[in-house]
Amino acid sequence: MIEESGKRRRTMAEKRQLFMEMTLTSSTVTLHASQNRSSHFFPPLFLVHLVDIWNMIEAFRDNGLNTLDHNTEINVEGHGKLTVFSVKAMLATMCGGKILDKLRYIFSQISDSNGLMIFTKFDQLLREVLKLPTAVFEGPSFGYTEHSVRTCFPQQKKITLNMFLDTLMADPPPQCLVWLPLMHRLAHVENVFHPVECSYCHCESMMGFRYRCQQCHNYQLCQSCFWRGHASGPHSNQHQMKEHSSW
């Protein structure tokens, strides 16, 4: 009992640490650090991002999920049950690959035989994928609400694949899904090397995103310092920062 209680406390502590460390900004090119604290990223804790969408689809087929009804329940040992739709939605969202390919697959799961989106299916999709930001304490900003579907698509329209892609690939995307393209952008730059020193922590080089102040001469921050809101010298969090994903 004591051991289980300790594990729960450690799990909560780890989640709080994720909340503190994974703060992202919006997808605009020019950014205000102080205005983007509410955008958060669900990290690839389970290395699912190392499997691309095509291999994930093949895994669904290999395990017979493509032949099962979406509402079929799957037993998860020690953790209750998940529906087939929940498994597909979560894994397709978190896996690697091009976001366009992933959205095409997701649309195939929520559309009818005429190629039109089923609103109740899209609502079900949002209920599932918005559990991800909620898991890192971003429910107030990106959690599911009964108005989530209407903020993405007008109910009276017939939504085709192209309309679905245009909406979710827009800049910015619907507010409840703004974290989704950010997740992919981070995955694409996690191994990008910048041979320049961070002006705050003075690390000799940077990995991932690099942020350069548009007001302070040669003031640059690594992604870790930028996300934490660090500033030094004459630099302020209110200054405009340009995001760089390459050197």
C-alpha atoms as a PDB file:
ATOM      1  CA  MET A   1       0.000   0.000   0.000  1.00  0.00           C
ATOM      2  CA  ILE A   2       2.783   2.423   0.952  1.00  0.00           C
ATOM      3  CA  GLU A   3       4.752   1.471  -2.149  1.00  0.00           C
ATOM      4  CA  GLU A   4       1.728   2.078  -4.424  1.00  0.00           C
ATOM      5  CA  SER A   5       1.114   5.447  -2.781  1.00  0.00           C
ATOM      6  CA  GLY A   6       4.733   6.367  -3.392  1.00  0.00           C
ATOM      7  CA  LYS A   7       4.455   5.370  -7.051  1.00  0.00           C
ATOM      8  CA  ARG A   8       1.353   7.528  -7.476  1.00  0.00           C
ATOM      9  CA  ARG A   9       3.122  10.517  -5.933  1.00  0.00           C
ATOM     10  CA  ARG A  10       6.120  10.011  -8.204  1.00  0.00           C
ATOM     11  CA  THR A  11       3.830   9.758 -11.243  1.00  0.00           C
ATOM     12  CA  MET A  12       2.089  13.017 -10.362  1.00  0.00           C
ATOM     13  CA  ALA A  13       5.441  14.695  -9.764  1.00  0.00           C
ATOM     14  CA  GLU A  14       6.647  13.538 -13.179  1.00  0.00           C
ATOM     15  CA  LYS A  15       3.513  14.893 -14.848  1.00  0.00           C
ATOM     16  CA  ARG A  16       3.953  18.252 -13.114  1.00  0.00           C
ATOM     17  CA  GLN A  17       7.547  18.321 -14.321  1.00  0.00           C
ATOM     18  CA  LEU A  18       6.329  17.656 -17.865  1.00  0.00           C
ATOM     19  CA  PHE A  19       3.868  20.499 -17.489  1.00  0.00           C
ATOM     20  CA  MET A  20       6.678  22.836 -16.487  1.00  0.00           C
ATOM     21  CA  GLU A  21       9.154  21.692 -19.114  1.00  0.00           C
ATOM     22  CA  MET A  22       7.037  21.203 -22.218  1.00  0.00           C
ATOM     23  CA  THR A  23       5.542  24.702 -22.607  1.00  0.00           C
ATOM     24  CA  LEU A  24       5.403  25.659 -26.279  1.00  0.00           C
ATOM     25  CA  THR A  25       4.551  28.774 -28.185  1.00  0.00           C
ATOM     26  CA  SER A  26       2.089  29.196 -31.028  1.00  0.00           C
ATOM     27  CA  SER A  27       2.817  28.303 -34.644  1.00  0.00           C
ATOM     28  CA  THR A  28       3.371  31.853 -35.888  1.00  0.00           C
ATOM     29  CA  VAL A  29       6.832  32.727 -37.171  1.00  0.00           C
ATOM     30  CA  THR A  30       7.232  35.806 -34.977  1.00  0.00           C
ATOM     31  CA  LEU A  31       6.452  35.032 -31.377  1.00  0.00           C
ATOM     32  CA  HIS A  32       5.829  36.733 -28.077  1.00  0.00           C
ATOM     33  CA  ALA A  33       6.992  34.366 -25.350  1.00  0.00           C
ATOM     34  CA  SER A  34       4.704  35.932 -22.757  1.00  0.00           C
ATOM     35  CA  GLN A  35       1.628  35.468 -24.972  1.00  0.00           C
ATOM     36  CA  ASN A  36       2.094  31.766 -25.664  1.00  0.00           C
ATOM     37  CA  ARG A  37       2.408  30.102 -22.266  1.00  0.00           C
ATOM     38  CA  SER A  38      -0.930  28.347 -22.728  1.00  0.00           C
ATOM     39  CA  SER A  39       0.235  26.246 -25.707  1.00  0.00           C
ATOM     40  CA  HIS A  40       1.553  22.942 -24.463  1.00  0.00           C
ATOM     41  CA  PHE A  41       2.898  19.814 -26.072  1.00  0.00           C
ATOM     42  CA  PHE A  42       2.107  16.236 -25.201  1.00  0.00           C
ATOM     43  CA  PRO A  43       5.559  14.568 -25.256  1.00  0.00           C
ATOM     44  CA  PRO A  44       6.229  11.211 -26.930  1.00  0.00           C
ATOM     45  CA  LEU A  45       6.545   9.338 -23.632  1.00  0.00           C
ATOM     46  CA  PHE A  46       6.079   5.934 -25.183  1.00  0.00           C
ATOM     47  CA  LEU A  47       8.299   6.383 -28.270  1.00  0.00           C
ATOM     48  CA  VAL A  48       5.222   6.030 -30.492  1.00  0.00           C
ATOM     49  CA  HIS A  49       6.600   8.904 -32.600  1.00  0.00           C
ATOM     50  CA  LEU A  50       9.317   6.542 -33.843  1.00  0.00           C
ATOM     51  CA  VAL A  51       6.675   4.531 -35.758  1.00  0.00           C
ATOM     52  CA  ASP A  52       5.324   6.266 -38.853  1.00  0.00           C
ATOM     53  CA  ILE A  53       1.649   6.313 -39.768  1.00  0.00           C
ATOM     54  CA  TRP A  54       2.010   3.681 -42.517  1.00  0.00           C
ATOM     55  CA  ASN A  55       3.590   1.150 -40.177  1.00  0.00           C
ATOM     56  CA  MET A  56       0.970   2.024 -37.575  1.00  0.00           C
ATOM     57  CA  ILE A  57      -1.816   1.294 -40.083  1.00  0.00           C
ATOM     58  CA  GLU A  58      -0.118  -2.002 -40.921  1.00  0.00           C
ATOM     59  CA  ALA A  59       0.016  -2.822 -37.206  1.00  0.00           C
ATOM     60  CA  PHE A  60      -3.729  -2.166 -36.960  1.00  0.00           C
ATOM     61  CA  ARG A  61      -4.289  -4.625 -39.811  1.00  0.00           C
ATOM     62  CA  ASP A  62      -1.905  -7.229 -38.399  1.00  0.00           C
ATOM     63  CA  ASN A  63      -3.853  -7.179 -35.147  1.00  0.00           C
ATOM     64  CA  GLY A  64      -7.250  -7.294 -36.844  1.00  0.00           C
ATOM     65  CA  LEU A  65      -8.372  -3.838 -35.720  1.00  0.00           C
ATOM     66  CA  ASN A  66      -9.406  -2.924 -39.274  1.00  0.00           C
ATOM     67  CA  THR A  67     -12.112  -5.619 -39.196  1.00  0.00           C
ATOM     68  CA  LEU A  68     -13.599  -4.618 -35.840  1.00  0.00           C
ATOM     69  CA  ASP A  69     -16.361  -2.130 -35.159  1.00  0.00           C
ATOM     70  CA  HIS A  70     -15.091   1.142 -33.712  1.00  0.00           C
ATOM     71  CA  ASN A  71     -17.086   0.584 -30.530  1.00  0.00           C
ATOM     72  CA  THR A  72     -15.610  -2.858 -29.863  1.00  0.00           C
ATOM     73  CA  GLU A  73     -13.874  -2.889 -26.492  1.00  0.00           C
ATOM     74  CA  ILE A  74     -10.326  -4.137 -26.037  1.00  0.00           C
ATOM     75  CA  ASN A  75      -9.138  -5.364 -22.673  1.00  0.00           C
ATOM     76  CA  VAL A  76      -6.045  -3.600 -21.355  1.00  0.00           C
ATOM     77  CA  GLU A  77      -4.535  -5.735 -18.640  1.00  0.00           C
ATOM     78  CA  GLY A  78      -4.728  -3.985 -15.300  1.00  0.00           C
ATOM     79  CA  HIS A  79      -6.145  -0.776 -16.763  1.00  0.00           C
ATOM     80  CA  GLY A  80      -9.706  -1.544 -17.861  1.00  0.00           C
ATOM     81  CA  LYS A  81     -10.886  -1.342 -21.466  1.00  0.00           C
ATOM     82  CA  LEU A  82     -10.389   0.809 -24.550  1.00  0.00           C
ATOM     83  CA  THR A  83     -12.488   0.943 -27.692  1.00  0.00           C
ATOM     84  CA  VAL A  84     -10.996   0.195 -31.101  1.00  0.00           C
ATOM     85  CA  PHE A  85     -11.680   3.788 -32.121  1.00  0.00           C
ATOM     86  CA  SER A  86      -9.858   5.130 -29.070  1.00  0.00           C
ATOM     87  CA  VAL A  87      -6.782   3.021 -29.830  1.00  0.00           C
ATOM     88  CA  LYS A  88      -6.728   4.084 -33.484  1.00  0.00           C
ATOM     89  CA  ALA A  89      -7.308   7.762 -32.705  1.00  0.00           C
ATOM     90  CA  MET A  90      -4.633   7.977 -30.021  1.00  0.00           C
ATOM     91  CA  LEU A  91      -1.939   6.022 -31.856  1.00  0.00           C
ATOM     92  CA  ALA A  92      -2.586   7.732 -35.196  1.00  0.00           C
ATOM     93  CA  THR A  93      -2.281  11.099 -33.462  1.00  0.00           C
ATOM     94  CA  MET A  94       0.893  10.298 -31.533  1.00  0.00           C
ATOM     95  CA  CYS A  95       2.804   8.276 -34.125  1.00  0.00           C
ATOM     96  CA  GLY A  96       5.366   9.683 -36.542  1.00  0.00           C
ATOM     97  CA  GLY A  97       5.039  10.514 -40.210  1.00  0.00           C
ATOM     98  CA  LYS A  98       3.743  13.467 -42.197  1.00  0.00           C
ATOM     99  CA  ILE A  99       0.844  15.236 -40.543  1.00  0.00           C
ATOM    100  CA  LEU A 100      -0.989  15.312 -43.897  1.00  0.00           C
ATOM    101  CA  ASP A 101      -0.833  11.512 -44.164  1.00  0.00           C
ATOM    102  CA  LYS A 102      -2.046  11.148 -40.595  1.00  0.00           C
ATOM    103  CA  LEU A 103      -4.977  13.484 -41.135  1.00  0.00           C
ATOM    104  CA  ARG A 104      -5.951  11.600 -44.291  1.00  0.00           C
ATOM    105  CA  TYR A 105      -6.041   8.348 -42.328  1.00  0.00           C
ATOM    106  CA  ILE A 106      -7.976   9.933 -39.479  1.00  0.00           C
ATOM    107  CA  PHE A 107     -10.542  11.304 -41.954  1.00  0.00           C
ATOM    108  CA  SER A 108     -10.997   7.805 -43.376  1.00  0.00           C
ATOM    109  CA  GLN A 109     -12.068   6.715 -39.895  1.00  0.00           C
ATOM    110  CA  ILE A 110     -14.633   9.466 -39.392  1.00  0.00           C
ATOM    111  CA  SER A 111     -16.188   9.733 -42.875  1.00  0.00           C
ATOM    112  CA  ASP A 112     -19.009   7.892 -44.620  1.00  0.00           C
ATOM    113  CA  SER A 113     -19.049   5.977 -47.912  1.00  0.00           C
ATOM    114  CA  ASN A 114     -19.668   9.244 -49.796  1.00  0.00           C
ATOM    115  CA  GLY A 115     -16.460  10.779 -48.466  1.00  0.00           C
ATOM    116  CA  LEU A 116     -18.205  13.202 -46.125  1.00  0.00           C
ATOM    117  CA  MET A 117     -17.260  13.700 -42.505  1.00  0.00           C
ATOM    118  CA  ILE A 118     -19.643  12.301 -39.897  1.00  0.00           C
ATOM    119  CA  PHE A 119     -19.935  14.999 -37.240  1.00  0.00           C
ATOM    120  CA  THR A 120     -20.655  12.552 -34.442  1.00  0.00           C
ATOM    121  CA  LYS A 121     -17.482  10.671 -35.368  1.00  0.00           C
ATOM    122  CA  PHE A 122     -15.465  13.890 -35.378  1.00  0.00           C
ATOM    123  CA  ASP A 123     -16.896  14.720 -31.977  1.00  0.00           C
ATOM    124  CA  GLN A 124     -15.826  11.276 -30.786  1.00  0.00           C
ATOM    125  CA  LEU A 125     -12.359  11.902 -32.226  1.00  0.00           C
ATOM    126  CA  LEU A 126     -12.019  15.172 -30.331  1.00  0.00           C
ATOM    127  CA  ARG A 127     -13.127  13.500 -27.102  1.00  0.00           C
ATOM    128  CA  GLU A 128     -10.252  11.053 -27.497  1.00  0.00           C
ATOM    129  CA  VAL A 129      -7.368  13.180 -28.778  1.00  0.00           C
ATOM    130  CA  LEU A 130      -8.063  16.089 -26.428  1.00  0.00           C
ATOM    131  CA  LYS A 131      -7.343  13.733 -23.555  1.00  0.00           C
ATOM    132  CA  LEU A 132      -3.677  14.163 -24.511  1.00  0.00           C
ATOM    133  CA  PRO A 133      -3.276  17.831 -23.513  1.00  0.00           C
ATOM    134  CA  THR A 134      -5.523  17.167 -20.520  1.00  0.00           C
ATOM    135  CA  ALA A 135      -3.032  14.515 -19.376  1.00  0.00           C
ATOM    136  CA  VAL A 136      -0.380  17.229 -18.995  1.00  0.00           C
ATOM    137  CA  PHE A 137      -2.726  19.602 -17.128  1.00  0.00           C
ATOM    138  CA  GLU A 138      -3.779  21.639 -20.168  1.00  0.00           C
ATOM    139  CA  GLY A 139      -7.450  20.698 -19.985  1.00  0.00           C
ATOM    140  CA  PRO A 140      -8.557  24.307 -19.301  1.00  0.00           C
ATOM    141  CA  SER A 141      -6.890  25.456 -22.532  1.00  0.00           C
ATOM    142  CA  PHE A 142      -7.305  22.476 -24.842  1.00  0.00           C
ATOM    143  CA  GLY A 143      -9.648  20.041 -23.145  1.00  0.00           C
ATOM    144  CA  TYR A 144     -12.856  18.802 -24.758  1.00  0.00           C
ATOM    145  CA  THR A 145     -16.038  20.848 -24.451  1.00  0.00           C
ATOM    146  CA  GLU A 146     -19.439  20.421 -26.057  1.00  0.00           C
ATOM    147  CA  HIS A 147     -18.589  23.378 -28.311  1.00  0.00           C
ATOM    148  CA  SER A 148     -15.328  21.900 -29.631  1.00  0.00           C
ATOM    149  CA  VAL A 149     -16.830  20.572 -32.869  1.00  0.00           C
ATOM    150  CA  ARG A 150     -18.585  23.848 -33.689  1.00  0.00           C
ATOM    151  CA  THR A 151     -15.335  25.774 -33.255  1.00  0.00           C
ATOM    152  CA  CYS A 152     -13.800  23.622 -36.000  1.00  0.00           C
ATOM    153  CA  PHE A 153     -16.612  23.238 -38.541  1.00  0.00           C
ATOM    154  CA  PRO A 154     -20.037  24.814 -39.112  1.00  0.00           C
ATOM    155  CA  GLN A 155     -22.589  22.071 -38.463  1.00  0.00           C
ATOM    156  CA  GLN A 156     -24.629  22.868 -41.551  1.00  0.00           C
ATOM    157  CA  LYS A 157     -21.811  22.220 -44.039  1.00  0.00           C
ATOM    158  CA  LYS A 158     -20.856  18.969 -45.697  1.00  0.00           C
ATOM    159  CA  ILE A 159     -17.187  18.476 -44.886  1.00  0.00           C
ATOM    160  CA  THR A 160     -15.072  16.779 -47.548  1.00  0.00           C
ATOM    161  CA  LEU A 161     -11.507  15.552 -47.155  1.00  0.00           C
ATOM    162  CA  ASN A 162     -10.070  18.739 -48.667  1.00  0.00           C
ATOM    163  CA  MET A 163     -12.127  20.943 -46.350  1.00  0.00           C
ATOM    164  CA  PHE A 164     -11.046  18.824 -43.391  1.00  0.00           C
ATOM    165  CA  LEU A 165      -7.375  19.119 -44.357  1.00  0.00           C
ATOM    166  CA  ASP A 166      -7.613  22.854 -45.088  1.00  0.00           C
ATOM    167  CA  THR A 167      -9.124  23.507 -41.666  1.00  0.00           C
ATOM    168  CA  LEU A 168      -6.748  21.408 -39.606  1.00  0.00           C
ATOM    169  CA  MET A 169      -3.679  22.473 -41.615  1.00  0.00           C
ATOM    170  CA  ALA A 170      -4.559  26.158 -41.428  1.00  0.00           C
ATOM    171  CA  ASP A 171      -2.303  28.649 -39.655  1.00  0.00           C
ATOM    172  CA  PRO A 172      -3.498  28.850 -37.026  1.00  0.00           C
ATOM    173  CA  PRO A 173      -5.540  25.647 -36.767  1.00  0.00           C
ATOM    174  CA  PRO A 174      -8.662  25.430 -34.588  1.00  0.00           C
ATOM    175  CA  GLN A 175      -7.765  26.512 -31.051  1.00  0.00           C
ATOM    176  CA  CYS A 176      -8.475  23.139 -29.454  1.00  0.00           C
ATOM    177  CA  LEU A 177      -6.013  21.467 -31.856  1.00  0.00           C
ATOM    178  CA  VAL A 178      -3.295  24.115 -31.996  1.00  0.00           C
ATOM    179  CA  TRP A 179      -0.918  21.750 -30.171  1.00  0.00           C
ATOM    180  CA  LEU A 180      -1.111  19.106 -32.927  1.00  0.00           C
ATOM    181  CA  PRO A 181       1.084  20.790 -35.587  1.00  0.00           C
ATOM    182  CA  LEU A 182       3.406  21.942 -32.800  1.00  0.00           C
ATOM    183  CA  MET A 183       3.929  18.336 -31.801  1.00  0.00           C
ATOM    184  CA  HIS A 184       4.999  17.470 -35.341  1.00  0.00           C
ATOM    185  CA  ARG A 185       7.237  20.485 -35.688  1.00  0.00           C
ATOM    186  CA  LEU A 186       9.052  19.576 -32.495  1.00  0.00           C
ATOM    187  CA  ALA A 187       9.545  15.996 -33.644  1.00  0.00           C
ATOM    188  CA  HIS A 188      11.054  17.229 -36.915  1.00  0.00           C
ATOM    189  CA  VAL A 189      13.608  19.524 -35.263  1.00  0.00           C
ATOM    190  CA  GLU A 190      14.564  17.551 -32.158  1.00  0.00           C
ATOM    191  CA  ASN A 191      17.904  16.562 -33.749  1.00  0.00           C
ATOM    192  CA  VAL A 192      18.665  19.892 -35.441  1.00  0.00           C
ATOM    193  CA  PHE A 193      22.007  21.264 -34.221  1.00  0.00           C
ATOM    194  CA  HIS A 194      22.732  24.988 -33.818  1.00  0.00           C
ATOM    195  CA  PRO A 195      26.432  25.807 -33.215  1.00  0.00           C
ATOM    196  CA  VAL A 196      25.688  28.928 -31.197  1.00  0.00           C
ATOM    197  CA  GLU A 197      25.656  29.721 -27.477  1.00  0.00           C
ATOM    198  CA  CYS A 198      22.428  30.296 -25.560  1.00  0.00           C
ATOM    199  CA  SER A 199      22.460  33.836 -24.171  1.00  0.00           C
ATOM    200  CA  TYR A 200      20.811  32.752 -20.913  1.00  0.00           C
ATOM    201  CA  CYS A 201      22.164  29.343 -19.866  1.00  0.00           C
ATOM    202  CA  HIS A 202      25.375  29.791 -21.919  1.00  0.00           C
ATOM    203  CA  CYS A 203      25.190  26.264 -23.279  1.00  0.00           C
ATOM    204  CA  GLU A 204      27.747  26.151 -26.088  1.00  0.00           C
ATOM    205  CA  SER A 205      25.268  24.812 -28.668  1.00  0.00           C
ATOM    206  CA  MET A 206      21.551  24.169 -29.103  1.00  0.00           C
ATOM    207  CA  MET A 207      19.375  21.289 -30.236  1.00  0.00           C
ATOM    208  CA  GLY A 208      15.853  21.667 -31.571  1.00  0.00           C
ATOM    209  CA  PHE A 209      14.395  25.152 -31.946  1.00  0.00           C
ATOM    210  CA  ARG A 210      16.465  28.316 -31.656  1.00  0.00           C
ATOM    211  CA  TYR A 211      14.880  31.661 -30.765  1.00  0.00           C
ATOM    212  CA  ARG A 212      16.470  34.981 -31.765  1.00  0.00           C
ATOM    213  CA  CYS A 213      15.379  38.312 -30.309  1.00  0.00           C
ATOM    214  CA  GLN A 214      14.281  40.893 -32.870  1.00  0.00           C
ATOM    215  CA  GLN A 215      15.328  43.793 -30.633  1.00  0.00           C
ATOM    216  CA  CYS A 216      18.463  42.708 -28.749  1.00  0.00           C
ATOM    217  CA  HIS A 217      21.602  42.352 -30.863  1.00  0.00           C
ATOM    218  CA  ASN A 218      22.627  38.698 -31.243  1.00  0.00           C
ATOM    219  CA  TYR A 219      20.483  37.576 -28.277  1.00  0.00           C
ATOM    220  CA  GLN A 220      19.490  33.941 -28.804  1.00  0.00           C
ATOM    221  CA  LEU A 221      17.813  31.371 -26.575  1.00  0.00           C
ATOM    222  CA  CYS A 222      17.693  27.601 -26.690  1.00  0.00           C
ATOM    223  CA  GLN A 223      14.198  26.108 -26.709  1.00  0.00           C
ATOM    224  CA  SER A 224      14.425  25.074 -23.049  1.00  0.00           C
ATOM    225  CA  CYS A 225      15.182  28.602 -21.829  1.00  0.00           C
ATOM    226  CA  PHE A 226      12.619  30.164 -24.164  1.00  0.00           C
ATOM    227  CA  TRP A 227       9.827  27.823 -23.066  1.00  0.00           C
ATOM    228  CA  ARG A 228      10.624  28.547 -19.425  1.00  0.00           C
ATOM    229  CA  GLY A 229      10.446  32.287 -20.030  1.00  0.00           C
ATOM    230  CA  HIS A 230      14.063  32.980 -19.095  1.00  0.00           C
ATOM    231  CA  ALA A 231      15.573  36.374 -19.878  1.00  0.00           C
ATOM    232  CA  SER A 232      18.778  38.166 -18.958  1.00  0.00           C
ATOM    233  CA  GLY A 233      20.440  41.544 -19.399  1.00  0.00           C
ATOM    234  CA  PRO A 234      18.405  44.056 -21.398  1.00  0.00           C
ATOM    235  CA  HIS A 235      16.297  41.296 -22.966  1.00  0.00           C
ATOM    236  CA  SER A 236      12.641  41.028 -21.932  1.00  0.00           C
ATOM    237  CA  ASN A 237       9.988  38.367 -22.380  1.00  0.00           C
ATOM    238  CA  GLN A 238       7.922  41.054 -24.088  1.00  0.00           C
ATOM    239  CA  HIS A 239      10.375  41.279 -26.992  1.00  0.00           C
ATOM    240  CA  GLN A 240       9.515  39.631 -30.281  1.00  0.00           C
ATOM    241  CA  MET A 241      11.371  36.366 -30.876  1.00  0.00           C
ATOM    242  CA  LYS A 242      11.879  34.675 -34.232  1.00  0.00           C
ATOM    243  CA  GLU A 243      11.823  30.895 -34.237  1.00  0.00           C
ATOM    244  CA  HIS A 244      14.492  29.047 -36.237  1.00  0.00           C
ATOM    245  CA  SER A 245      14.297  25.347 -37.064  1.00  0.00           C
ATOM    246  CA  SER A 246      17.619  25.221 -38.931  1.00  0.00           C
ATOM    247  CA  TRP A 247      21.050  26.803 -38.726  1.00  0.00           C
END
